[in-house]
Protein backbone atom coordinates (compact mmCIF):
# COMPACT_ATOMS: atom_id res chain seq x y z
CA UNK A 1 -144.05 -88.60 -295.00
CA UNK A 2 -145.81 -89.04 -291.66
CA UNK A 3 -145.15 -86.66 -288.76
CA UNK A 4 -146.61 -86.49 -285.27
CA UNK A 5 -149.56 -84.11 -284.98
CA UNK A 6 -148.97 -81.14 -282.72
CA UNK A 7 -145.17 -81.50 -282.74
CA UNK A 8 -143.23 -78.31 -281.96
CA UNK A 9 -140.98 -77.01 -284.72
CA UNK A 10 -137.63 -78.61 -283.81
CA UNK A 11 -135.66 -75.75 -285.37
CA UNK A 12 -137.02 -73.34 -282.75
CA UNK A 13 -136.75 -75.64 -279.76
CA UNK A 14 -133.23 -77.09 -279.95
CA UNK A 15 -129.64 -76.19 -279.30
CA UNK A 16 -126.85 -77.36 -281.58
CA UNK A 17 -126.25 -77.46 -285.26
CA UNK A 18 -128.99 -79.88 -286.35
CA UNK A 19 -132.76 -80.12 -286.00
CA UNK A 20 -134.09 -82.83 -283.70
CA UNK A 21 -135.33 -85.15 -286.44
CA UNK A 22 -135.19 -88.94 -286.76
CA UNK A 23 -135.98 -90.44 -290.17
CA UNK A 24 -136.88 -94.11 -289.95
CA UNK A 25 -135.36 -94.86 -293.35
CA UNK A 26 -131.96 -93.59 -292.18
CA UNK A 27 -131.85 -95.19 -288.73
CA UNK A 28 -130.98 -98.76 -287.72
CA UNK A 29 -131.59 -98.27 -283.99
CA UNK A 30 -132.14 -95.72 -281.21
CA UNK A 31 -130.22 -96.27 -277.97
CA UNK A 32 -131.48 -94.62 -274.78
CA UNK A 33 -129.70 -93.94 -271.53
CA UNK A 34 -131.88 -94.71 -268.50
CA UNK A 35 -131.39 -92.45 -265.47
CA UNK A 36 -132.39 -88.91 -266.33
CA UNK A 37 -133.56 -89.83 -269.83
CA UNK A 38 -136.35 -92.38 -269.44
CA UNK A 39 -136.81 -92.02 -265.69
CA UNK A 40 -136.26 -89.22 -263.20
CA UNK A 41 -133.98 -91.48 -261.15
CA UNK A 42 -131.03 -89.19 -261.91
CA UNK A 43 -132.44 -87.02 -259.12
CA UNK A 44 -132.19 -89.97 -256.74
CA UNK A 45 -128.62 -90.64 -257.83
CA UNK A 46 -127.70 -87.01 -257.17
CA UNK A 47 -129.12 -87.24 -253.66
CA UNK A 48 -127.41 -90.58 -252.97
CA UNK A 49 -124.04 -89.21 -254.08
CA UNK A 50 -124.59 -86.12 -251.95
CA UNK A 51 -125.27 -88.25 -248.90
CA UNK A 52 -122.19 -90.39 -249.59
CA UNK A 53 -119.98 -87.31 -249.71
CA UNK A 54 -121.53 -85.79 -246.60
CA UNK A 55 -121.24 -88.96 -244.50
CA UNK A 56 -118.02 -90.50 -245.81
CA UNK A 57 -115.89 -87.90 -247.60
CA UNK A 58 -116.47 -84.89 -245.39
CA UNK A 59 -116.67 -81.21 -246.28
CA UNK A 60 -117.25 -79.56 -248.63
CA UNK A 61 -120.67 -80.76 -249.73
CA UNK A 62 -121.06 -82.21 -253.21
CA UNK A 63 -121.72 -79.41 -255.66
CA UNK A 64 -123.76 -79.63 -258.84
CA UNK A 65 -120.60 -78.92 -260.84
CA UNK A 66 -118.78 -81.85 -259.18
CA UNK A 67 -121.72 -84.13 -259.82
CA UNK A 68 -121.88 -83.21 -263.52
CA UNK A 69 -118.13 -83.34 -264.11
CA UNK A 70 -117.12 -86.33 -261.97
CA UNK A 71 -120.10 -88.60 -261.41
CA UNK A 72 -123.06 -88.12 -263.75
CA UNK A 73 -123.43 -90.99 -266.22
CA UNK A 74 -120.42 -92.92 -264.96
CA UNK A 75 -120.14 -96.29 -263.24
CA UNK A 76 -120.28 -96.13 -259.44
CA UNK A 77 -116.68 -97.24 -259.01
CA UNK A 78 -115.47 -94.65 -261.52
CA UNK A 79 -117.47 -91.96 -259.76
CA UNK A 80 -115.98 -92.84 -256.38
CA UNK A 81 -112.45 -92.74 -257.81
CA UNK A 82 -113.10 -89.37 -259.47
CA UNK A 83 -114.51 -87.85 -256.28
CA UNK A 84 -111.76 -89.18 -254.05
CA UNK A 85 -109.05 -88.04 -256.44
CA UNK A 86 -110.57 -84.57 -256.77
CA UNK A 87 -110.64 -84.30 -252.98
CA UNK A 88 -107.06 -85.47 -252.55
CA UNK A 89 -107.98 -88.88 -251.13
CA UNK A 90 -106.15 -92.12 -251.90
CA UNK A 91 -108.50 -94.39 -253.85
CA UNK A 92 -107.68 -97.87 -252.55
CA UNK A 93 -109.58 -100.74 -254.24
CA UNK A 94 -111.23 -101.91 -251.01
CA UNK A 95 -112.35 -98.39 -250.17
CA UNK A 96 -113.68 -97.83 -253.68
CA UNK A 97 -115.79 -101.00 -253.52
CA UNK A 98 -117.06 -100.19 -250.03
CA UNK A 99 -118.11 -96.65 -250.89
CA UNK A 100 -119.69 -97.72 -254.19
CA UNK A 101 -121.78 -100.30 -252.32
CA UNK A 102 -122.84 -97.71 -249.74
CA UNK A 103 -123.88 -95.29 -252.46
CA UNK A 104 -125.91 -98.04 -254.14
CA UNK A 105 -127.65 -98.74 -250.85
CA UNK A 106 -128.60 -95.08 -250.49
CA UNK A 107 -129.96 -95.08 -254.04
CA UNK A 108 -132.02 -98.24 -253.54
CA UNK A 109 -133.51 -96.81 -250.34
CA UNK A 110 -134.63 -93.75 -252.29
CA UNK A 111 -135.96 -95.89 -255.15
CA UNK A 112 -138.06 -97.96 -252.73
CA UNK A 113 -139.32 -94.82 -251.05
CA UNK A 114 -140.14 -92.74 -254.14
CA UNK A 115 -140.29 -95.14 -257.07
CA UNK A 116 -139.14 -94.56 -260.65
CA UNK A 117 -140.94 -91.55 -262.07
CA UNK A 118 -141.10 -91.61 -265.86
CA UNK A 119 -140.05 -88.69 -268.07
CA UNK A 120 -143.22 -88.24 -270.19
CA UNK A 121 -141.64 -86.83 -273.34
CA UNK A 122 -139.02 -89.57 -273.40
CA UNK A 123 -141.58 -92.32 -273.03
CA UNK A 124 -143.63 -90.62 -275.76
CA UNK A 125 -140.65 -90.84 -278.14
CA UNK A 126 -140.01 -94.46 -277.17
CA UNK A 127 -143.59 -95.44 -277.95
CA UNK A 128 -143.52 -93.55 -281.27
CA UNK A 129 -140.36 -95.42 -282.24
CA UNK A 130 -141.89 -98.76 -281.27
CA UNK A 131 -144.99 -98.06 -283.36
CA UNK A 132 -142.71 -97.21 -286.28
CA UNK A 133 -140.89 -100.54 -285.73
CA UNK A 134 -137.54 -98.90 -285.02
CA UNK A 135 -135.27 -101.10 -282.90
CA UNK A 136 -134.56 -99.64 -279.48
CA UNK A 137 -132.01 -100.40 -276.78
CA UNK A 138 -131.29 -99.16 -273.27
CA UNK A 139 -127.66 -98.51 -272.37
CA UNK A 140 -126.81 -97.56 -268.80
CA UNK A 141 -124.09 -97.79 -266.20
CA UNK A 142 -126.73 -98.79 -263.65
CA UNK A 143 -126.69 -102.33 -262.29
CA UNK A 144 -130.28 -101.74 -261.21
CA UNK A 145 -131.59 -101.31 -264.76
CA UNK A 146 -134.06 -104.21 -264.71
CA UNK A 147 -135.43 -103.14 -261.34
CA UNK A 148 -135.92 -99.57 -262.55
CA UNK A 149 -137.54 -100.63 -265.83
CA UNK A 150 -139.91 -102.89 -263.92
CA UNK A 151 -140.76 -100.12 -261.46
CA UNK A 152 -141.46 -97.72 -264.32
CA UNK A 153 -143.50 -100.17 -266.39
CA UNK A 154 -140.98 -100.11 -269.24
CA UNK A 155 -140.06 -103.79 -269.29
CA UNK A 156 -140.42 -105.42 -272.70
CA UNK A 157 -140.06 -102.20 -274.69
CA UNK A 158 -136.40 -102.70 -275.60
CA UNK A 159 -134.76 -105.04 -278.07
CA UNK A 160 -131.53 -105.11 -276.09
CA UNK A 161 -130.30 -104.03 -272.67
CA UNK A 162 -126.65 -103.24 -271.95
CA UNK A 163 -126.48 -102.27 -268.29
CA UNK A 164 -123.87 -102.18 -265.56
CA UNK A 165 -124.04 -105.93 -265.08
CA UNK A 166 -123.38 -106.56 -268.78
CA UNK A 167 -120.59 -103.98 -268.84
CA UNK A 168 -118.90 -105.69 -265.88
CA UNK A 169 -119.32 -109.19 -267.30
CA UNK A 170 -117.74 -108.16 -270.61
CA UNK A 171 -115.01 -106.08 -269.02
CA UNK A 172 -116.09 -102.95 -270.90
CA UNK A 173 -114.94 -99.52 -269.82
CA UNK A 174 -117.60 -97.13 -268.58
CA UNK A 175 -118.81 -93.98 -270.27
CA UNK A 176 -117.36 -91.76 -271.76
CA UNK A 177 -115.80 -94.82 -273.40
CA UNK A 178 -118.23 -95.87 -276.18
CA UNK A 179 -117.92 -99.60 -275.53
CA UNK A 180 -121.38 -100.09 -274.00
CA UNK A 181 -123.10 -98.27 -276.88
CA UNK A 182 -121.09 -100.15 -279.48
CA UNK A 183 -122.02 -103.43 -277.77
CA UNK A 184 -125.71 -102.52 -277.91
CA UNK A 185 -125.47 -101.59 -281.59
CA UNK A 186 -123.71 -104.87 -282.37
CA UNK A 187 -126.41 -106.85 -280.57
CA UNK A 188 -129.04 -105.16 -282.70
CA UNK A 189 -127.10 -105.63 -285.94
CA UNK A 190 -127.03 -101.84 -286.23
CA UNK A 191 -124.35 -99.70 -287.85
CA UNK A 192 -123.29 -96.93 -285.42
CA UNK A 193 -123.25 -94.33 -288.20
CA UNK A 194 -126.94 -95.15 -288.81
CA UNK A 195 -127.92 -95.17 -285.16
CA UNK A 196 -129.00 -92.62 -282.57
CA UNK A 197 -127.79 -92.14 -278.99
CA UNK A 198 -130.02 -90.30 -276.50
CA UNK A 199 -128.22 -89.08 -273.37
CA UNK A 200 -128.47 -86.55 -270.56
CA UNK A 201 -124.90 -86.59 -269.24
CA UNK A 202 -121.61 -85.19 -270.45
CA UNK A 203 -120.03 -88.65 -270.25
CA UNK A 204 -122.90 -90.12 -272.26
CA UNK A 205 -122.84 -87.68 -275.16
CA UNK A 206 -119.04 -87.99 -275.28
CA UNK A 207 -119.48 -91.77 -275.57
CA UNK A 208 -121.89 -91.34 -278.46
CA UNK A 209 -119.53 -89.02 -280.27
CA UNK A 210 -116.47 -91.24 -279.71
CA UNK A 211 -118.43 -94.24 -280.96
CA UNK A 212 -119.14 -92.61 -284.32
CA UNK A 213 -122.92 -92.61 -283.91
CA UNK A 214 -124.82 -90.81 -286.61
CA UNK A 215 -126.92 -88.64 -284.29
CA UNK A 216 -126.32 -87.86 -280.63
CA UNK A 217 -129.32 -86.22 -278.95
CA UNK A 218 -128.76 -84.54 -275.61
CA UNK A 219 -131.65 -84.26 -273.17
CA UNK A 220 -130.98 -81.43 -270.75
CA UNK A 221 -133.77 -80.35 -268.45
CA UNK A 222 -131.42 -78.88 -265.85
CA UNK A 223 -128.34 -76.90 -266.88
CA UNK A 224 -128.90 -75.38 -270.31
CA UNK A 225 -129.01 -77.29 -273.55
CA UNK A 226 -125.83 -75.84 -275.03
CA UNK A 227 -123.73 -77.62 -272.39
CA UNK A 228 -124.29 -81.04 -273.91
CA UNK A 229 -123.58 -79.78 -277.43
CA UNK A 230 -120.19 -78.60 -276.19
CA UNK A 231 -119.37 -82.19 -275.23
CA UNK A 232 -120.54 -84.15 -278.26
CA UNK A 233 -124.30 -83.84 -278.75
CA UNK A 234 -125.37 -82.88 -282.28
CA UNK A 235 -128.55 -81.37 -280.92
CA UNK A 236 -129.96 -80.84 -277.44
CA UNK A 237 -133.57 -80.50 -276.30
CA UNK A 238 -135.32 -80.01 -272.99
CA UNK A 239 -138.03 -82.53 -273.86
CA UNK A 240 -137.79 -85.55 -276.19
CA UNK A 241 -141.40 -84.95 -277.23
CA UNK A 242 -139.84 -82.23 -279.39
CA UNK A 243 -138.00 -84.82 -281.49
CA UNK A 244 -139.72 -85.12 -284.86
CA UNK A 245 -140.08 -88.68 -286.11
CA UNK A 246 -140.47 -88.96 -289.88
CA UNK A 247 -141.63 -92.33 -291.14
CA UNK A 248 -140.60 -92.83 -294.74
CA UNK A 249 -139.91 -95.78 -297.00
């Protein structure tokens, strides 16, 4: 058994019913969300959505609760529909597309201005998995996945990429539907029950649970780790460096 030196005891650092442990002999693949998991771009998305609401949907301002419940982890179009519906607005297709495009423009402006900051503990886990020869995939609603991976220096570290462009081309439903994660697992020849999903959003952990994945790890550095366990995560941590990787035959 090989463990990472200096690793915190996962039993003391997690929320949920299971320790944050990945055994290489029991795992076909590990599938990561992007925004908020590998990169801090979730912060940029939150600001872009806030600006969209302020400039195009009027008062009240977007609250953190609205963002988490209606937008976080979802496709842009789905987020627009959820926000408009919650605010009593009619969600016409043309309006949905227009507002989704505006939000994307706000996000890209922020990305160009600030770049894609990496989440150190998440990148640490990714590199540990790669050294252990565990197949890894990135699964995200973002249509800017390749751009963000390039900006963060993460290109070439994944065996498959199922992003917003792939989801649209295949006609898959967005998270919390598990279709994008199941597609990634299929591309890797991985059995969902022997695969891991790593997510930071309610919609994402729900997708992992609905897809029958063997371990759903929630990464919550913002709102309290128990929140993600309530929505489908088996275990939740505030830093993926706390995940213990056990390499066994």
